[in-house]
Protein backbone atom coordinates (compact mmCIF):
# COMPACT_ATOMS: atom_id res chain seq x y z
CA UNK A 1 -25.79 -23.22 -65.52
CA UNK A 2 -25.94 -19.53 -64.70
CA UNK A 3 -29.11 -17.47 -64.90
CA UNK A 4 -29.03 -13.71 -65.39
CA UNK A 5 -31.83 -11.15 -65.18
CA UNK A 6 -31.39 -7.49 -66.17
CA UNK A 7 -33.46 -4.56 -64.97
CA UNK A 8 -33.34 -0.77 -64.85
CA UNK A 9 -33.80 0.19 -68.47
CA UNK A 10 -36.12 2.96 -69.59
CA UNK A 11 -36.48 6.27 -71.39
CA UNK A 12 -34.11 9.08 -70.45
CA UNK A 13 -33.25 12.46 -71.93
CA UNK A 14 -29.80 13.14 -73.39
CA UNK A 15 -27.38 13.96 -70.60
CA UNK A 16 -29.35 11.91 -68.12
CA UNK A 17 -28.43 8.79 -66.16
CA UNK A 18 -29.65 5.25 -65.70
CA UNK A 19 -28.48 2.38 -63.53
CA UNK A 20 -28.85 -1.12 -64.88
CA UNK A 21 -28.72 -4.17 -62.64
CA UNK A 22 -27.92 -7.78 -63.46
CA UNK A 23 -28.82 -10.40 -60.88
CA UNK A 24 -27.04 -13.70 -61.45
CA UNK A 25 -27.57 -17.12 -59.91
CA UNK A 26 -26.44 -20.68 -60.34
CA UNK A 27 -23.60 -22.96 -59.44
CA UNK A 28 -20.28 -21.19 -58.83
CA UNK A 29 -21.65 -18.02 -60.41
CA UNK A 30 -19.19 -15.89 -58.41
CA UNK A 31 -16.42 -17.38 -60.56
CA UNK A 32 -17.73 -15.90 -63.78
CA UNK A 33 -16.77 -12.56 -65.22
CA UNK A 34 -19.80 -10.47 -66.13
CA UNK A 35 -20.00 -8.41 -69.28
CA UNK A 36 -22.48 -5.82 -70.47
CA UNK A 37 -23.36 -5.73 -74.15
CA UNK A 38 -25.77 -3.70 -76.24
CA UNK A 39 -27.49 -4.08 -79.55
CA UNK A 40 -29.09 -1.27 -81.48
CA UNK A 41 -31.59 -1.93 -84.30
CA UNK A 42 -29.82 -3.10 -87.43
CA UNK A 43 -26.44 -3.32 -85.70
CA UNK A 44 -24.32 -6.10 -84.30
CA UNK A 45 -24.18 -6.74 -80.59
CA UNK A 46 -21.20 -4.91 -79.11
CA UNK A 47 -19.34 -5.22 -75.84
CA UNK A 48 -19.71 -2.32 -73.42
CA UNK A 49 -17.89 -3.41 -70.27
CA UNK A 50 -16.53 -6.34 -68.34
CA UNK A 51 -15.88 -6.91 -64.64
CA UNK A 52 -13.46 -9.55 -63.51
CA UNK A 53 -14.43 -12.45 -61.26
CA UNK A 54 -10.99 -12.57 -59.61
CA UNK A 55 -10.30 -8.98 -58.58
CA UNK A 56 -13.25 -6.94 -59.93
CA UNK A 57 -11.03 -5.15 -62.44
CA UNK A 58 -13.13 -3.33 -65.01
CA UNK A 59 -12.77 -2.65 -68.71
CA UNK A 60 -14.79 -0.50 -71.08
CA UNK A 61 -15.20 0.07 -74.76
CA UNK A 62 -13.85 3.45 -75.85
CA UNK A 63 -17.22 5.01 -76.58
CA UNK A 64 -18.37 4.74 -72.95
CA UNK A 65 -15.13 5.37 -71.05
CA UNK A 66 -15.58 8.12 -68.49
CA UNK A 67 -19.38 7.87 -68.67
CA UNK A 68 -20.22 4.28 -67.67
CA UNK A 69 -19.11 2.42 -64.56
CA UNK A 70 -19.65 -1.25 -63.76
CA UNK A 71 -19.47 -2.67 -60.26
CA UNK A 72 -20.02 -6.01 -58.60
CA UNK A 73 -21.59 -7.03 -55.29
CA UNK A 74 -20.99 -10.76 -54.85
CA UNK A 75 -22.92 -10.78 -51.55
CA UNK A 76 -26.03 -9.77 -53.51
CA UNK A 77 -25.12 -11.63 -56.71
CA UNK A 78 -25.54 -8.38 -58.59
CA UNK A 79 -23.58 -6.42 -61.16
CA UNK A 80 -24.51 -2.82 -61.92
CA UNK A 81 -23.89 -0.60 -64.92
CA UNK A 82 -24.11 3.08 -63.99
CA UNK A 83 -24.61 5.11 -67.15
CA UNK A 84 -24.11 8.87 -67.01
CA UNK A 85 -24.11 11.61 -69.66
CA UNK A 86 -26.22 9.42 -71.89
CA UNK A 87 -26.35 10.14 -75.61
CA UNK A 88 -28.92 9.17 -78.25
CA UNK A 89 -26.36 6.76 -79.71
CA UNK A 90 -26.47 4.80 -76.44
CA UNK A 91 -29.99 3.69 -77.33
CA UNK A 92 -30.06 -0.10 -77.51
CA UNK A 93 -31.13 -3.28 -75.78
CA UNK A 94 -28.60 -3.93 -73.04
CA UNK A 95 -27.66 -7.47 -72.03
CA UNK A 96 -25.52 -8.88 -69.27
CA UNK A 97 -23.65 -12.11 -69.83
CA UNK A 98 -21.42 -14.49 -67.89
CA UNK A 99 -18.15 -16.04 -68.99
CA UNK A 100 -15.83 -18.54 -67.34
CA UNK A 101 -13.00 -16.67 -69.08
CA UNK A 102 -11.89 -13.84 -66.84
CA UNK A 103 -11.59 -10.27 -68.11
CA UNK A 104 -7.99 -9.40 -68.83
CA UNK A 105 -7.30 -5.97 -70.26
CA UNK A 106 -10.19 -5.54 -72.66
CA UNK A 107 -13.88 -6.17 -73.25
CA UNK A 108 -14.09 -9.74 -74.48
CA UNK A 109 -16.16 -10.66 -77.57
CA UNK A 110 -19.64 -12.14 -77.45
CA UNK A 111 -18.54 -15.66 -78.38
CA UNK A 112 -16.59 -15.97 -75.13
CA UNK A 113 -19.76 -15.61 -73.08
CA UNK A 114 -21.73 -18.70 -72.15
CA UNK A 115 -24.88 -17.36 -70.50
CA UNK A 116 -27.06 -14.37 -71.35
CA UNK A 117 -29.91 -12.42 -69.82
CA UNK A 118 -33.04 -11.45 -71.71
CA UNK A 119 -32.06 -7.79 -72.15
CA UNK A 120 -33.46 -4.44 -71.06
CA UNK A 121 -34.29 -1.53 -73.37
CA UNK A 122 -32.51 1.79 -72.94
CA UNK A 123 -33.80 4.72 -74.98
CA UNK A 124 -32.11 8.11 -74.93
CA UNK A 125 -34.31 10.73 -76.53
CA UNK A 126 -35.70 14.20 -75.93
């Protein structure tokens, strides 16, 4: 079992920044890749990023490339998602999730993730 808890969401103006954190715990949790997902009202949950458990390689969906950065601190059991140049279309509930399948070249789909956090709301609005 792996437990995940997100934090850092909030209201921000367009062009602003937020930093989300995901604290994970549980047996062998360092061996899981960690993904960030988001779900806007009326839309399907979509993958945003993934960070590898083996070498901390990172992958992003096209819509956030160049604006979002994910990083991992295994000593603190924490994964961050730094979000810059935020747009109204980034508004969603953001989730982190853990998968025993390592990231390899792309953001993996939701069904490959075994454990999920409760989500944190991000609202981008003026």
